[in-house]
C-alpha cells in the first residue's frame, strides 16, 4: 500500500484493509502510522520501508533490539 500523502485513495485503501482484516500489510513510500493505527484493532502486522530514524512512538525498537 502506498502511504504517501499524494495517494488520493489512501483512506479507501485503509478502509478496505480493515474491512477484510488483512493479517499483513506492506506499506511503502510514506509514514505508515495511519495504517498501524487502523489495524491495531484486530492485531494485524505492518511491514514498512523506513527511510528516517524519526519513527513514531508505535515504532520504537523492542527491548531486545536496544
N, C-alpha and C. Protein backbone atom coordinates (compact mmCIF):
# COMPACT_ATOMS: atom_id res chain seq x y z
N UNK A 1 0.84 -1.16 0.00
CA UNK A 1 0.00 0.00 0.00
C UNK A 1 0.90 1.23 0.00
N UNK A 2 0.61 2.15 -0.91
CA UNK A 2 1.35 3.40 -0.97
C UNK A 2 0.74 4.35 0.06
N UNK A 3 1.53 4.74 1.07
CA UNK A 3 1.00 5.57 2.15
C UNK A 3 1.45 7.03 2.03
N UNK A 4 2.02 7.39 0.90
CA UNK A 4 2.43 8.78 0.67
C UNK A 4 1.20 9.68 0.65
N UNK A 5 1.31 10.89 1.19
CA UNK A 5 0.15 11.81 1.23
C UNK A 5 -0.47 12.12 -0.13
N UNK A 6 0.25 11.91 -1.21
CA UNK A 6 -0.30 12.19 -2.53
C UNK A 6 -1.20 11.06 -3.04
N UNK A 7 -1.26 9.96 -2.32
CA UNK A 7 -2.14 8.85 -2.71
C UNK A 7 -3.58 9.26 -2.41
N UNK A 8 -4.31 9.63 -3.43
CA UNK A 8 -5.67 10.14 -3.27
C UNK A 8 -6.64 9.11 -2.70
N UNK A 9 -6.34 7.83 -2.84
CA UNK A 9 -7.27 6.80 -2.35
C UNK A 9 -6.78 6.11 -1.09
N UNK A 10 -5.87 6.73 -0.38
CA UNK A 10 -5.32 6.12 0.83
C UNK A 10 -6.40 5.77 1.84
N UNK A 11 -7.31 6.69 2.11
CA UNK A 11 -8.38 6.41 3.08
C UNK A 11 -9.21 5.21 2.65
N UNK A 12 -9.53 5.13 1.36
CA UNK A 12 -10.31 3.99 0.86
C UNK A 12 -9.52 2.69 0.99
N UNK A 13 -8.22 2.74 0.71
CA UNK A 13 -7.38 1.55 0.83
C UNK A 13 -7.32 1.07 2.28
N UNK A 14 -7.15 2.00 3.20
CA UNK A 14 -7.09 1.63 4.62
C UNK A 14 -8.43 1.03 5.06
N UNK A 15 -9.53 1.63 4.64
CA UNK A 15 -10.85 1.09 4.98
C UNK A 15 -11.02 -0.33 4.46
N UNK A 16 -10.54 -0.60 3.26
CA UNK A 16 -10.64 -1.92 2.66
C UNK A 16 -9.81 -2.95 3.43
N UNK A 17 -8.61 -2.55 3.83
CA UNK A 17 -7.75 -3.44 4.61
C UNK A 17 -8.43 -3.80 5.93
N UNK A 18 -9.01 -2.81 6.59
CA UNK A 18 -9.69 -3.04 7.86
C UNK A 18 -10.94 -3.91 7.65
N UNK A 19 -11.70 -3.63 6.62
CA UNK A 19 -12.92 -4.40 6.33
C UNK A 19 -12.62 -5.89 6.19
N UNK A 20 -11.54 -6.21 5.50
CA UNK A 20 -11.19 -7.61 5.26
C UNK A 20 -10.21 -8.17 6.29
N UNK A 21 -9.85 -7.34 7.26
CA UNK A 21 -8.92 -7.73 8.32
C UNK A 21 -7.68 -8.42 7.77
N UNK A 22 -7.05 -7.76 6.83
CA UNK A 22 -5.82 -8.29 6.24
C UNK A 22 -4.80 -8.54 7.34
N UNK A 23 -4.27 -9.74 7.44
CA UNK A 23 -3.33 -10.04 8.52
C UNK A 23 -1.96 -9.40 8.31
N UNK A 24 -1.63 -9.06 7.07
CA UNK A 24 -0.33 -8.48 6.75
C UNK A 24 -0.53 -7.35 5.75
N UNK A 25 0.07 -6.21 6.05
CA UNK A 25 0.02 -5.06 5.15
C UNK A 25 1.45 -4.61 4.91
N UNK A 26 1.79 -4.41 3.65
CA UNK A 26 3.11 -3.87 3.30
C UNK A 26 2.90 -2.42 2.90
N UNK A 27 3.48 -1.52 3.68
CA UNK A 27 3.31 -0.08 3.46
C UNK A 27 4.63 0.50 2.96
N UNK A 28 4.54 1.36 1.98
CA UNK A 28 5.75 1.97 1.45
C UNK A 28 5.53 3.40 1.01
N UNK A 29 6.61 4.10 0.84
CA UNK A 29 6.64 5.47 0.31
C UNK A 29 5.87 6.42 1.21
N UNK A 30 6.14 6.38 2.49
CA UNK A 30 5.50 7.31 3.40
C UNK A 30 5.41 6.79 4.82
N UNK A 31 4.84 7.59 5.69
CA UNK A 31 4.70 7.25 7.10
C UNK A 31 3.55 6.25 7.27
N UNK A 32 3.82 5.07 7.82
CA UNK A 32 2.78 4.04 7.96
C UNK A 32 1.91 4.19 9.20
N UNK A 33 2.06 5.27 9.96
CA UNK A 33 1.35 5.40 11.23
C UNK A 33 -0.17 5.27 11.06
N UNK A 34 -0.72 5.82 10.01
CA UNK A 34 -2.18 5.75 9.79
C UNK A 34 -2.63 4.30 9.63
N UNK A 35 -1.84 3.51 8.92
CA UNK A 35 -2.18 2.10 8.71
C UNK A 35 -2.01 1.33 10.02
N UNK A 36 -0.93 1.59 10.73
CA UNK A 36 -0.68 0.92 12.01
C UNK A 36 -1.83 1.19 12.97
N UNK A 37 -2.25 2.44 13.07
CA UNK A 37 -3.36 2.79 13.96
C UNK A 37 -4.66 2.08 13.55
N UNK A 38 -4.89 1.98 12.26
CA UNK A 38 -6.14 1.38 11.77
C UNK A 38 -6.22 -0.12 12.04
N UNK A 39 -5.11 -0.83 11.88
CA UNK A 39 -5.16 -2.29 12.04
C UNK A 39 -4.89 -2.75 13.47
N UNK A 40 -4.56 -1.82 14.33
CA UNK A 40 -4.30 -2.17 15.72
C UNK A 40 -5.51 -2.86 16.37
N UNK A 41 -6.70 -2.50 15.92
CA UNK A 41 -7.92 -3.06 16.50
C UNK A 41 -8.07 -4.55 16.29
N UNK A 42 -7.50 -5.09 15.23
CA UNK A 42 -7.61 -6.53 15.01
C UNK A 42 -6.25 -7.22 15.00
N UNK A 43 -5.23 -6.54 15.43
CA UNK A 43 -3.88 -7.09 15.61
C UNK A 43 -3.29 -7.61 14.30
N UNK A 44 -3.29 -6.77 13.28
CA UNK A 44 -2.59 -7.09 12.04
C UNK A 44 -1.13 -6.70 12.15
N UNK A 45 -0.36 -7.02 11.14
CA UNK A 45 1.07 -6.71 11.12
C UNK A 45 1.37 -5.82 9.91
N UNK A 46 2.19 -4.78 10.13
CA UNK A 46 2.58 -3.89 9.04
C UNK A 46 4.08 -4.00 8.84
N UNK A 47 4.48 -4.27 7.61
CA UNK A 47 5.88 -4.19 7.21
C UNK A 47 6.03 -2.90 6.42
N UNK A 48 7.09 -2.16 6.71
CA UNK A 48 7.25 -0.87 6.06
C UNK A 48 8.72 -0.59 5.80
N UNK A 49 8.97 0.13 4.70
CA UNK A 49 10.32 0.63 4.48
C UNK A 49 10.48 1.84 5.39
N UNK A 50 11.63 1.98 6.00
CA UNK A 50 11.87 3.10 6.90
C UNK A 50 13.03 3.91 6.35
N UNK A 51 12.73 5.13 5.96
CA UNK A 51 13.75 5.99 5.37
C UNK A 51 14.24 7.04 6.36
N UNK A 52 13.72 7.01 7.58
CA UNK A 52 14.09 8.01 8.58
C UNK A 52 14.18 7.36 9.94
N UNK A 53 15.09 7.85 10.76
CA UNK A 53 15.18 7.34 12.12
C UNK A 53 14.20 8.05 13.05
N UNK A 54 13.45 9.01 12.53
CA UNK A 54 12.45 9.72 13.32
C UNK A 54 11.13 8.97 13.28
N UNK A 55 11.10 7.78 13.87
CA UNK A 55 9.92 6.93 13.83
C UNK A 55 8.94 7.33 14.93
N UNK A 56 7.63 7.16 14.68
CA UNK A 56 6.65 7.46 15.72
C UNK A 56 6.79 6.49 16.89
N UNK A 57 6.19 6.84 18.04
CA UNK A 57 6.28 6.00 19.24
C UNK A 57 5.87 4.57 19.00
N UNK A 58 4.88 4.34 18.13
CA UNK A 58 4.41 2.99 17.86
C UNK A 58 5.50 2.13 17.22
N UNK A 59 6.56 2.77 16.71
CA UNK A 59 7.61 2.05 16.00
C UNK A 59 8.92 2.01 16.77
N UNK A 60 8.89 2.21 18.08
CA UNK A 60 10.11 2.15 18.86
C UNK A 60 10.67 0.73 18.84
N UNK A 61 11.98 0.63 18.93
CA UNK A 61 12.61 -0.68 18.93
C UNK A 61 12.20 -1.47 20.16
N UNK A 62 11.95 -2.78 19.98
CA UNK A 62 11.66 -3.62 21.14
C UNK A 62 12.90 -3.67 22.04
N UNK A 63 12.70 -4.01 23.32
CA UNK A 63 13.81 -4.03 24.28
C UNK A 63 14.95 -4.92 23.83
N UNK A 64 14.65 -6.03 23.19
CA UNK A 64 15.69 -6.96 22.79
C UNK A 64 16.57 -6.41 21.67
N UNK A 65 16.13 -5.34 21.01
CA UNK A 65 16.93 -4.73 19.93
C UNK A 65 17.79 -3.57 20.44
N UNK A 66 17.56 -3.13 21.66
CA UNK A 66 18.27 -1.96 22.18
C UNK A 66 19.66 -2.34 22.59
